[in-house]
Structure formats: C-alpha cells, structure tokens
C-alpha atoms as a PDB file:
ATOM      1  CA  UNK A   1       5.153  34.558  44.371  1.00  0.00           C
ATOM      2  CA  UNK A   2       2.295  34.569  46.838  1.00  0.00           C
ATOM      3  CA  UNK A   3      -0.761  36.787  46.471  1.00  0.00           C
ATOM      4  CA  UNK A   4       0.337  39.394  49.130  1.00  0.00           C
ATOM      5  CA  UNK A   5       3.631  39.830  47.208  1.00  0.00           C
ATOM      6  CA  UNK A   6       2.001  40.446  43.893  1.00  0.00           C
ATOM      7  CA  UNK A   7      -0.472  42.976  45.565  1.00  0.00           C
ATOM      8  CA  UNK A   8       2.590  44.779  47.095  1.00  0.00           C
ATOM      9  CA  UNK A   9       4.085  45.092  43.542  1.00  0.00           C
ATOM     10  CA  UNK A  10       0.601  46.363  42.363  1.00  0.00           C
ATOM     11  CA  UNK A  11       0.672  49.051  45.220  1.00  0.00           C
ATOM     12  CA  UNK A  12       4.068  50.237  44.100  1.00  0.00           C
ATOM     13  CA  UNK A  13       3.229  50.374  40.241  1.00  0.00           C
ATOM     14  CA  UNK A  14      -0.037  52.309  41.268  1.00  0.00           C
ATOM     15  CA  UNK A  15       2.166  54.786  43.162  1.00  0.00           C
ATOM     16  CA  UNK A  16       4.313  55.340  40.107  1.00  0.00           C
ATOM     17  CA  UNK A  17       1.152  55.965  38.052  1.00  0.00           C
ATOM     18  CA  UNK A  18      -0.236  58.535  40.448  1.00  0.00           C
ATOM     19  CA  UNK A  19       3.107  60.323  40.788  1.00  0.00           C
ATOM     20  CA  UNK A  20       3.235  60.670  37.078  1.00  0.00           C
ATOM     21  CA  UNK A  21      -0.394  61.910  36.898  1.00  0.00           C
ATOM     22  CA  UNK A  22      -0.003  64.469  39.737  1.00  0.00           C
ATOM     23  CA  UNK A  23       3.574  65.755  39.237  1.00  0.00           C
ATOM     24  CA  UNK A  24       5.082  64.814  35.840  1.00  0.00           C
ATOM     25  CA  UNK A  25       4.644  66.334  32.480  1.00  0.00           C
ATOM     26  CA  UNK A  26       2.647  64.351  30.100  1.00  0.00           C
ATOM     27  CA  UNK A  27       4.557  63.255  26.970  1.00  0.00           C
ATOM     28  CA  UNK A  28       7.946  62.896  28.727  1.00  0.00           C
ATOM     29  CA  UNK A  29       9.721  59.585  28.813  1.00  0.00           C
ATOM     30  CA  UNK A  30       9.509  59.256  32.561  1.00  0.00           C
ATOM     31  CA  UNK A  31       5.751  60.099  32.543  1.00  0.00           C
ATOM     32  CA  UNK A  32       4.938  57.468  30.083  1.00  0.00           C
ATOM     33  CA  UNK A  33       7.095  54.696  31.732  1.00  0.00           C
ATOM     34  CA  UNK A  34       5.406  55.448  35.080  1.00  0.00           C
ATOM     35  CA  UNK A  35       1.996  55.658  33.719  1.00  0.00           C
ATOM     36  CA  UNK A  36       2.433  52.434  31.570  1.00  0.00           C
ATOM     37  CA  UNK A  37       4.004  50.350  34.402  1.00  0.00           C
ATOM     38  CA  UNK A  38       1.185  51.652  36.534  1.00  0.00           C
ATOM     39  CA  UNK A  39      -1.451  49.929  34.415  1.00  0.00           C
ATOM     40  CA  UNK A  40      -0.341  46.647  36.045  1.00  0.00           C
ATOM     41  CA  UNK A  41      -2.497  47.426  39.023  1.00  0.00           C
ATOM     42  CA  UNK A  42      -6.070  47.713  37.892  1.00  0.00           C
ATOM     43  CA  UNK A  43      -6.227  44.463  36.100  1.00  0.00           C
ATOM     44  CA  UNK A  44      -4.373  42.793  38.834  1.00  0.00           C
ATOM     45  CA  UNK A  45      -6.814  44.057  41.419  1.00  0.00           C
ATOM     46  CA  UNK A  46      -9.789  42.808  39.137  1.00  0.00           C
ATOM     47  CA  UNK A  47      -8.093  39.247  39.156  1.00  0.00           C
ATOM     48  CA  UNK A  48      -7.672  39.182  42.981  1.00  0.00           C
ATOM     49  CA  UNK A  49     -11.140  40.578  43.386  1.00  0.00           C
ATOM     50  CA  UNK A  50     -12.723  37.692  41.682  1.00  0.00           C
ATOM     51  CA  UNK A  51     -10.443  35.184  43.341  1.00  0.00           C
ATOM     52  CA  UNK A  52     -11.242  36.749  46.786  1.00  0.00           C
ATOM     53  CA  UNK A  53     -14.934  36.792  46.076  1.00  0.00           C
ATOM     54  CA  UNK A  54     -14.688  32.868  45.785  1.00  0.00           C
ATOM     55  CA  UNK A  55     -12.533  32.661  49.018  1.00  0.00           C
ATOM     56  CA  UNK A  56     -14.092  35.050  51.370  1.00  0.00           C
ATOM     57  CA  UNK A  57     -16.057  33.803  54.468  1.00  0.00           C
ATOM     58  CA  UNK A  58     -18.552  36.636  54.278  1.00  0.00           C
ATOM     59  CA  UNK A  59     -19.324  38.282  50.911  1.00  0.00           C
ATOM     60  CA  UNK A  60     -21.591  40.928  52.828  1.00  0.00           C
ATOM     61  CA  UNK A  61     -18.492  41.856  55.099  1.00  0.00           C
ATOM     62  CA  UNK A  62     -16.246  42.142  51.900  1.00  0.00           C
ATOM     63  CA  UNK A  63     -18.716  44.375  49.907  1.00  0.00           C
ATOM     64  CA  UNK A  64     -19.351  46.606  53.005  1.00  0.00           C
ATOM     65  CA  UNK A  65     -15.506  47.028  53.558  1.00  0.00           C
ATOM     66  CA  UNK A  66     -14.970  47.942  49.792  1.00  0.00           C
ATOM     67  CA  UNK A  67     -17.791  50.452  50.017  1.00  0.00           C
ATOM     68  CA  UNK A  68     -16.394  52.061  53.307  1.00  0.00           C
ATOM     69  CA  UNK A  69     -13.036  52.532  51.915  1.00  0.00           C
ATOM     70  CA  UNK A  70     -14.421  53.866  48.598  1.00  0.00           C
ATOM     71  CA  UNK A  71     -16.111  56.587  50.670  1.00  0.00           C
ATOM     72  CA  UNK A  72     -13.029  57.281  52.738  1.00  0.00           C
ATOM     73  CA  UNK A  73     -10.756  57.450  49.650  1.00  0.00           C
ATOM     74  CA  UNK A  74     -12.982  59.987  47.592  1.00  0.00           C
ATOM     75  CA  UNK A  75     -11.662  63.267  49.002  1.00  0.00           C
ATOM     76  CA  UNK A  76      -7.997  62.107  48.867  1.00  0.00           C
ATOM     77  CA  UNK A  77      -8.752  60.964  45.249  1.00  0.00           C
ATOM     78  CA  UNK A  78      -9.978  64.252  44.218  1.00  0.00           C
ATOM     79  CA  UNK A  79      -7.531  66.313  46.181  1.00  0.00           C
ATOM     80  CA  UNK A  80      -4.640  64.373  44.417  1.00  0.00           C
ATOM     81  CA  UNK A  81      -5.983  64.467  40.852  1.00  0.00           C
ATOM     82  CA  UNK A  82      -7.421  67.967  40.628  1.00  0.00           C
ATOM     83  CA  UNK A  83      -5.419  69.885  38.058  1.00  0.00           C
ATOM     84  CA  UNK A  84      -6.302  73.543  39.059  1.00  0.00           C
ATOM     85  CA  UNK A  85      -7.173  74.930  42.379  1.00  0.00           C
ATOM     86  CA  UNK A  86      -7.307  72.933  45.761  1.00  0.00           C
ATOM     87  CA  UNK A  87      -9.903  70.391  45.081  1.00  0.00           C
ATOM     88  CA  UNK A  88     -12.458  69.463  42.317  1.00  0.00           C
ATOM     89  CA  UNK A  89     -14.557  66.498  41.650  1.00  0.00           C
ATOM     90  CA  UNK A  90     -12.423  64.264  39.221  1.00  0.00           C
ATOM     91  CA  UNK A  91     -14.591  61.213  39.160  1.00  0.00           C
ATOM     92  CA  UNK A  92     -15.093  58.269  41.502  1.00  0.00           C
ATOM     93  CA  UNK A  93     -12.069  56.514  42.755  1.00  0.00           C
ATOM     94  CA  UNK A  94     -10.743  52.953  41.917  1.00  0.00           C
ATOM     95  CA  UNK A  95     -11.944  51.315  45.135  1.00  0.00           C
ATOM     96  CA  UNK A  96     -15.468  52.511  44.247  1.00  0.00           C
ATOM     97  CA  UNK A  97     -14.925  50.925  40.772  1.00  0.00           C
ATOM     98  CA  UNK A  98     -13.851  47.549  42.652  1.00  0.00           C
ATOM     99  CA  UNK A  99     -17.014  47.981  44.689  1.00  0.00           C
ATOM    100  CA  UNK A 100     -19.089  48.089  41.501  1.00  0.00           C
ATOM    101  CA  UNK A 101     -17.210  45.181  40.160  1.00  0.00           C
ATOM    102  CA  UNK A 102     -17.911  43.246  43.554  1.00  0.00           C
ATOM    103  CA  UNK A 103     -21.581  44.006  43.075  1.00  0.00           C
ATOM    104  CA  UNK A 104     -21.436  42.585  39.453  1.00  0.00           C
ATOM    105  CA  UNK A 105     -20.111  39.427  40.869  1.00  0.00           C
ATOM    106  CA  UNK A 106     -22.694  39.490  43.721  1.00  0.00           C
ATOM    107  CA  UNK A 107     -25.584  40.034  41.056  1.00  0.00           C
ATOM    108  CA  UNK A 108     -24.224  36.976  38.924  1.00  0.00           C
ATOM    109  CA  UNK A 109     -24.582  34.842  42.088  1.00  0.00           C
ATOM    110  CA  UNK A 110     -27.608  36.055  43.731  1.00  0.00           C
ATOM    111  CA  UNK A 111     -29.959  37.494  41.037  1.00  0.00           C
ATOM    112  CA  UNK A 112     -32.064  35.328  38.778  1.00  0.00           C
ATOM    113  CA  UNK A 113     -30.673  35.083  35.173  1.00  0.00           C
ATOM    114  CA  UNK A 114     -33.626  36.881  33.842  1.00  0.00           C
ATOM    115  CA  UNK A 115     -32.799  40.046  35.709  1.00  0.00           C
ATOM    116  CA  UNK A 116     -29.046  39.756  35.765  1.00  0.00           C
ATOM    117  CA  UNK A 117     -28.309  41.443  32.460  1.00  0.00           C
ATOM    118  CA  UNK A 118     -30.198  44.511  33.355  1.00  0.00           C
ATOM    119  CA  UNK A 119     -28.556  44.783  36.662  1.00  0.00           C
ATOM    120  CA  UNK A 120     -24.999  44.113  35.441  1.00  0.00           C
ATOM    121  CA  UNK A 121     -25.345  46.705  32.652  1.00  0.00           C
ATOM    122  CA  UNK A 122     -26.670  49.272  35.070  1.00  0.00           C
ATOM    123  CA  UNK A 123     -23.487  48.690  37.196  1.00  0.00           C
ATOM    124  CA  UNK A 124     -21.332  49.017  34.234  1.00  0.00           C
ATOM    125  CA  UNK A 125     -23.156  52.311  33.380  1.00  0.00           C
ATOM    126  CA  UNK A 126     -22.520  53.605  36.797  1.00  0.00           C
ATOM    127  CA  UNK A 127     -18.694  52.862  36.469  1.00  0.00           C
ATOM    128  CA  UNK A 128     -18.669  55.547  33.664  1.00  0.00           C
ATOM    129  CA  UNK A 129     -18.057  58.200  36.328  1.00  0.00           C
ATOM    130  CA  UNK A 130     -15.365  56.370  38.046  1.00  0.00           C
ATOM    131  CA  UNK A 131     -11.591  55.409  37.431  1.00  0.00           C
ATOM    132  CA  UNK A 132     -11.080  52.553  34.996  1.00  0.00           C
ATOM    133  CA  UNK A 133     -14.701  53.124  33.757  1.00  0.00           C
ATOM    134  CA  UNK A 134     -16.041  50.201  31.734  1.00  0.00           C
ATOM    135  CA  UNK A 135     -12.736  48.427  31.632  1.00  0.00           C
ATOM    136  CA  UNK A 136     -12.583  47.215  35.235  1.00  0.00           C
ATOM    137  CA  UNK A 137     -16.088  45.682  34.988  1.00  0.00           C
ATOM    138  CA  UNK A 138     -15.337  44.109  31.783  1.00  0.00           C
ATOM    139  CA  UNK A 139     -12.063  42.618  33.145  1.00  0.00           C
ATOM    140  CA  UNK A 140     -13.883  41.374  36.028  1.00  0.00           C
ATOM    141  CA  UNK A 141     -16.660  39.695  34.051  1.00  0.00           C
ATOM    142  CA  UNK A 142     -14.056  38.034  31.829  1.00  0.00           C
ATOM    143  CA  UNK A 143     -12.098  36.776  34.895  1.00  0.00           C
ATOM    144  CA  UNK A 144     -15.304  35.462  36.534  1.00  0.00           C
ATOM    145  CA  UNK A 145     -16.271  33.607  33.306  1.00  0.00           C
ATOM    146  CA  UNK A 146     -12.644  32.077  33.073  1.00  0.00           C
ATOM    147  CA  UNK A 147     -12.975  31.053  36.863  1.00  0.00           C
ATOM    148  CA  UNK A 148     -16.323  29.329  36.047  1.00  0.00           C
ATOM    149  CA  UNK A 149     -14.844  27.471  33.149  1.00  0.00           C
ATOM    150  CA  UNK A 150     -11.861  26.457  35.076  1.00  0.00           C
ATOM    151  CA  UNK A 151     -13.872  25.393  37.996  1.00  0.00           C
ATOM    152  CA  UNK A 152     -16.101  23.225  35.620  1.00  0.00           C
ATOM    153  CA  UNK A 153     -12.994  21.591  34.190  1.00  0.00           C
ATOM    154  CA  UNK A 154     -11.768  20.820  37.697  1.00  0.00           C
ATOM    155  CA  UNK A 155     -14.990  18.991  38.486  1.00  0.00           C
ATOM    156  CA  UNK A 156     -14.724  16.915  35.448  1.00  0.00           C
ATOM    157  CA  UNK A 157     -11.242  15.834  36.588  1.00  0.00           C
ATOM    158  CA  UNK A 158      -9.474  17.742  33.747  1.00  0.00           C
ATOM    159  CA  UNK A 159      -6.111  19.211  34.421  1.00  0.00           C
ATOM    160  CA  UNK A 160      -6.152  22.760  35.493  1.00  0.00           C
ATOM    161  CA  UNK A 161      -3.646  25.334  34.224  1.00  0.00           C
ATOM    162  CA  UNK A 162      -3.521  29.120  34.889  1.00  0.00           C
ATOM    163  CA  UNK A 163      -2.435  29.402  31.321  1.00  0.00           C
ATOM    164  CA  UNK A 164      -6.087  29.262  30.454  1.00  0.00           C
ATOM    165  CA  UNK A 165      -6.095  33.065  31.659  1.00  0.00           C
ATOM    166  CA  UNK A 166      -4.081  34.210  28.526  1.00  0.00           C
ATOM    167  CA  UNK A 167      -7.289  34.840  26.347  1.00  0.00           C
ATOM    168  CA  UNK A 168      -8.538  37.104  29.183  1.00  0.00           C
ATOM    169  CA  UNK A 169      -5.224  39.094  29.327  1.00  0.00           C
ATOM    170  CA  UNK A 170      -5.054  39.094  25.540  1.00  0.00           C
ATOM    171  CA  UNK A 171      -8.507  40.494  25.147  1.00  0.00           C
ATOM    172  CA  UNK A 172      -7.725  43.082  27.922  1.00  0.00           C
ATOM    173  CA  UNK A 173      -4.641  44.122  26.116  1.00  0.00           C
ATOM    174  CA  UNK A 174      -6.477  44.392  22.819  1.00  0.00           C
ATOM    175  CA  UNK A 175      -9.324  46.416  24.206  1.00  0.00           C
ATOM    176  CA  UNK A 176      -7.084  48.708  26.277  1.00  0.00           C
ATOM    177  CA  UNK A 177      -4.786  49.264  23.331  1.00  0.00           C
ATOM    178  CA  UNK A 178      -7.623  50.124  20.865  1.00  0.00           C
ATOM    179  CA  UNK A 179      -9.104  52.594  23.368  1.00  0.00           C
ATOM    180  CA  UNK A 180      -5.555  54.208  23.893  1.00  0.00           C
ATOM    181  CA  UNK A 181      -5.033  54.284  20.175  1.00  0.00           C
ATOM    182  CA  UNK A 182      -8.501  55.943  19.464  1.00  0.00           C
ATOM    183  CA  UNK A 183      -7.993  58.478  22.269  1.00  0.00           C
ATOM    184  CA  UNK A 184      -4.671  59.584  20.785  1.00  0.00           C
ATOM    185  CA  UNK A 185      -5.753  59.470  17.057  1.00  0.00           C
ATOM    186  CA  UNK A 186      -6.166  63.190  16.798  1.00  0.00           C
ATOM    187  CA  UNK A 187      -3.325  64.407  18.763  1.00  0.00           C
ATOM    188  CA  UNK A 188      -0.241  62.478  17.445  1.00  0.00           C
ATOM    189  CA  UNK A 189       1.089  60.788  14.244  1.00  0.00           C
ATOM    190  CA  UNK A 190       0.153  57.120  13.611  1.00  0.00           C
ATOM    191  CA  UNK A 191       3.453  55.746  14.239  1.00  0.00           C
ATOM    192  CA  UNK A 192       3.762  57.321  17.552  1.00  0.00           C
ATOM    193  CA  UNK A 193       0.256  56.564  18.424  1.00  0.00           C
ATOM    194  CA  UNK A 194       0.876  52.856  17.841  1.00  0.00           C
ATOM    195  CA  UNK A 195       4.053  53.072  20.003  1.00  0.00           C
ATOM    196  CA  UNK A 196       2.224  54.733  22.792  1.00  0.00           C
ATOM    197  CA  UNK A 197      -0.624  52.104  22.724  1.00  0.00           C
ATOM    198  CA  UNK A 198       1.927  49.309  22.700  1.00  0.00           C
ATOM    199  CA  UNK A 199       3.468  50.853  25.734  1.00  0.00           C
ATOM    200  CA  UNK A 200       0.016  51.367  27.378  1.00  0.00           C
ATOM    201  CA  UNK A 201      -0.710  47.584  27.415  1.00  0.00           C
ATOM    202  CA  UNK A 202       2.814  46.799  28.803  1.00  0.00           C
ATOM    203  CA  UNK A 203       1.381  46.912  32.446  1.00  0.00           C
ATOM    204  CA  UNK A 204      -1.395  44.383  31.506  1.00  0.00           C
ATOM    205  CA  UNK A 205       1.137  42.180  29.805  1.00  0.00           C
ATOM    206  CA  UNK A 206       3.195  42.116  32.922  1.00  0.00           C
ATOM    207  CA  UNK A 207       0.192  41.355  35.271  1.00  0.00           C
ATOM    208  CA  UNK A 208      -0.467  38.379  32.913  1.00  0.00           C
ATOM    209  CA  UNK A 209       2.936  36.988  33.144  1.00  0.00           C
ATOM    210  CA  UNK A 210       3.214  37.621  36.890  1.00  0.00           C
ATOM    211  CA  UNK A 211      -0.085  35.912  37.661  1.00  0.00           C
ATOM    212  CA  UNK A 212      -0.009  33.128  35.172  1.00  0.00           C
ATOM    213  CA  UNK A 213       3.737  32.057  35.501  1.00  0.00           C
ATOM    214  CA  UNK A 214       4.826  33.188  39.101  1.00  0.00           C
ATOM    215  CA  UNK A 215       1.584  33.257  41.257  1.00  0.00           C
ATOM    216  CA  UNK A 216       1.625  30.234  43.614  1.00  0.00           C
ATOM    217  CA  UNK A 217      -2.103  30.609  44.356  1.00  0.00           C
ATOM    218  CA  UNK A 218      -1.358  31.183  48.085  1.00  0.00           C
ATOM    219  CA  UNK A 219      -1.352  34.016  50.626  1.00  0.00           C
ATOM    220  CA  UNK A 220       1.802  34.924  52.539  1.00  0.00           C
ATOM    221  CA  UNK A 221       2.418  32.731  55.702  1.00  0.00           C
ATOM    222  CA  UNK A 222       3.014  35.652  57.961  1.00  0.00           C
ATOM    223  CA  UNK A 223       1.674  39.177  58.574  1.00  0.00           C
ATOM    224  CA  UNK A 224      -1.549  38.410  56.933  1.00  0.00           C
ATOM    225  CA  UNK A 225      -3.651  40.932  58.995  1.00  0.00           C
ATOM    226  CA  UNK A 226      -1.145  43.619  58.405  1.00  0.00           C
ATOM    227  CA  UNK A 227      -1.108  43.060  54.712  1.00  0.00           C
ATOM    228  CA  UNK A 228      -4.980  42.902  54.509  1.00  0.00           C
ATOM    229  CA  UNK A 229      -5.360  46.294  56.016  1.00  0.00           C
ATOM    230  CA  UNK A 230      -2.363  47.822  54.450  1.00  0.00           C
ATOM    231  CA  UNK A 231      -3.945  47.146  51.049  1.00  0.00           C
ATOM    232  CA  UNK A 232      -7.080  49.109  51.988  1.00  0.00           C
ATOM    233  CA  UNK A 233      -5.337  51.875  53.781  1.00  0.00           C
ATOM    234  CA  UNK A 234      -2.456  52.547  51.444  1.00  0.00           C
ATOM    235  CA  UNK A 235      -4.890  53.804  48.765  1.00  0.00           C
ATOM    236  CA  UNK A 236      -6.350  56.754  50.530  1.00  0.00           C
ATOM    237  CA  UNK A 237      -3.232  57.477  52.565  1.00  0.00           C
ATOM    238  CA  UNK A 238      -0.848  57.759  49.570  1.00  0.00           C
ATOM    239  CA  UNK A 239      -3.482  59.967  47.556  1.00  0.00           C
ATOM    240  CA  UNK A 240      -3.917  62.139  50.544  1.00  0.00           C
ATOM    241  CA  UNK A 241      -0.164  62.696  50.716  1.00  0.00           C
ATOM    242  CA  UNK A 242       0.287  63.231  47.016  1.00  0.00           C
ATOM    243  CA  UNK A 243      -2.660  65.727  47.057  1.00  0.00           C
ATOM    244  CA  UNK A 244      -1.189  67.706  49.921  1.00  0.00           C
ATOM    245  CA  UNK A 245       2.137  67.906  48.269  1.00  0.00           C
ATOM    246  CA  UNK A 246       0.356  69.170  44.995  1.00  0.00           C
ATOM    247  CA  UNK A 247      -1.340  71.769  46.827  1.00  0.00           C
ATOM    248  CA  UNK A 248       1.817  72.871  48.718  1.00  0.00           C
ATOM    249  CA  UNK A 249       3.991  72.910  45.704  1.00  0.00           C
ATOM    250  CA  UNK A 250       1.529  74.903  43.737  1.00  0.00           C
ATOM    251  CA  UNK A 251       1.097  77.559  46.348  1.00  0.00           C
END
C-alpha cells in the first residue's frame, strides 16, 4: 500500500471514532468498536508527520499549513464534540497537536542541544490542552529517534528493515493501554478494564501492521495534489458536518 492509501484508511477510522463520540452511547459494543478502530489514526499521522518532515521541500510552509488548518478546524472540533448546548470549548484539535509535534521536530533540528530539552517539554506541556495530549508528542519523538537510528544504519551500509519500528509501536501500545487501564480503574471491574484496555490498543496494533508489513514507502502515482488537500480539508469539514447534525438532532 502507498502512503496515500494508508492515510485514506486513517481518515475513515477517524470518522468512525468521531461518529461514536458524537452520536453513540458509551459502553455499547458498536461504540467500543468504532472508538478502538479509530485509534489507528493518531499514531499513523504521527508516523507520517515524521516521514513528511524529512521529505518536505519547505519545512516552514509545512508548519504554516498545519497551523492554518489547526485554526480553521477549531470551531468545527468544538461544535462536534460539545456534549451540552450548541458549542463549548472542548480542547484544541488534533491538527493543532500535530503542529506541536511538528514544532518538536523543528526544535530538534534547529535549536542547540543545550536548549532543546526545555523547548520540547514546553511544547509537550502545551499539548495537555489538546487532542491526544502527551501521547502524540511522545509517539512523534519515538518515531523521530527510530528514524535517526535507521538513517544511521543506512549510512553504515546496514540492511534497513521497517520491522525496526515494532519497538515504537510496542511502547505506544503499552503506554496507551496503561493510561486506558488507569482511567477505567474506578468505574469497571478488573476483568472488564483489562478487556477494554486490550481493545483500546487494537487500533495502534493495526497501524503497526499496516505500516511495517504493507507500506511500500511511496506516494500514490496519481491525484497527488487532490490527496494532499483532501487530507487537510477532510478534518474540519467532517467535524463541521457532524457538529451541525448533532445540533439539529438535539433541537
């Protein structure tokens, strides 16, 4: 599969996750399935952010584009995920989180090492008010470290294998599973908590399998411009549609 195909899958799984969070009843089987499958998206986008950062011709334009669509997506994000009333602040949206992840990569490249740590932790702290707080920045850092390691191996003439990414996906599953387990500790019995936590990491596992075993490392040969802008526009547009439907159905 090429990069664009995997991103289209990520858009679909994200849609399922948002449909569940906006319209479905928590605790039901369909809700849990849609939400868990939707966890495919965030870590997939973190991986492609790191990969895209290395490929892009202009990092400045890349960052500005992320920031612009983060701004454009904020009202639709709040409109869709508000639980009561028409619209309330529900946190910063995922593209804003990806912009922070981009800035972490930029700091790692441009800022002297003596000041890197403080800047990176500052960006991680800002993510606390956004979707996939802490986790997306951590995933990004892990992928960036893996990319550096793989790049170093390539320079030494060693055989590269995307299977070297399994430690990143493994750590991501463990971290996300522990957070999920801790969050549910007071509201469900242990056996159910462990089952739900296992389900929660399923989307991350799917992402790992997809990227490690099926990704060919290339973009689609056709419709590249369409795909590029579709991935940016789909996020605010689908949230706006879901938010408007929520308001209409609640009236």
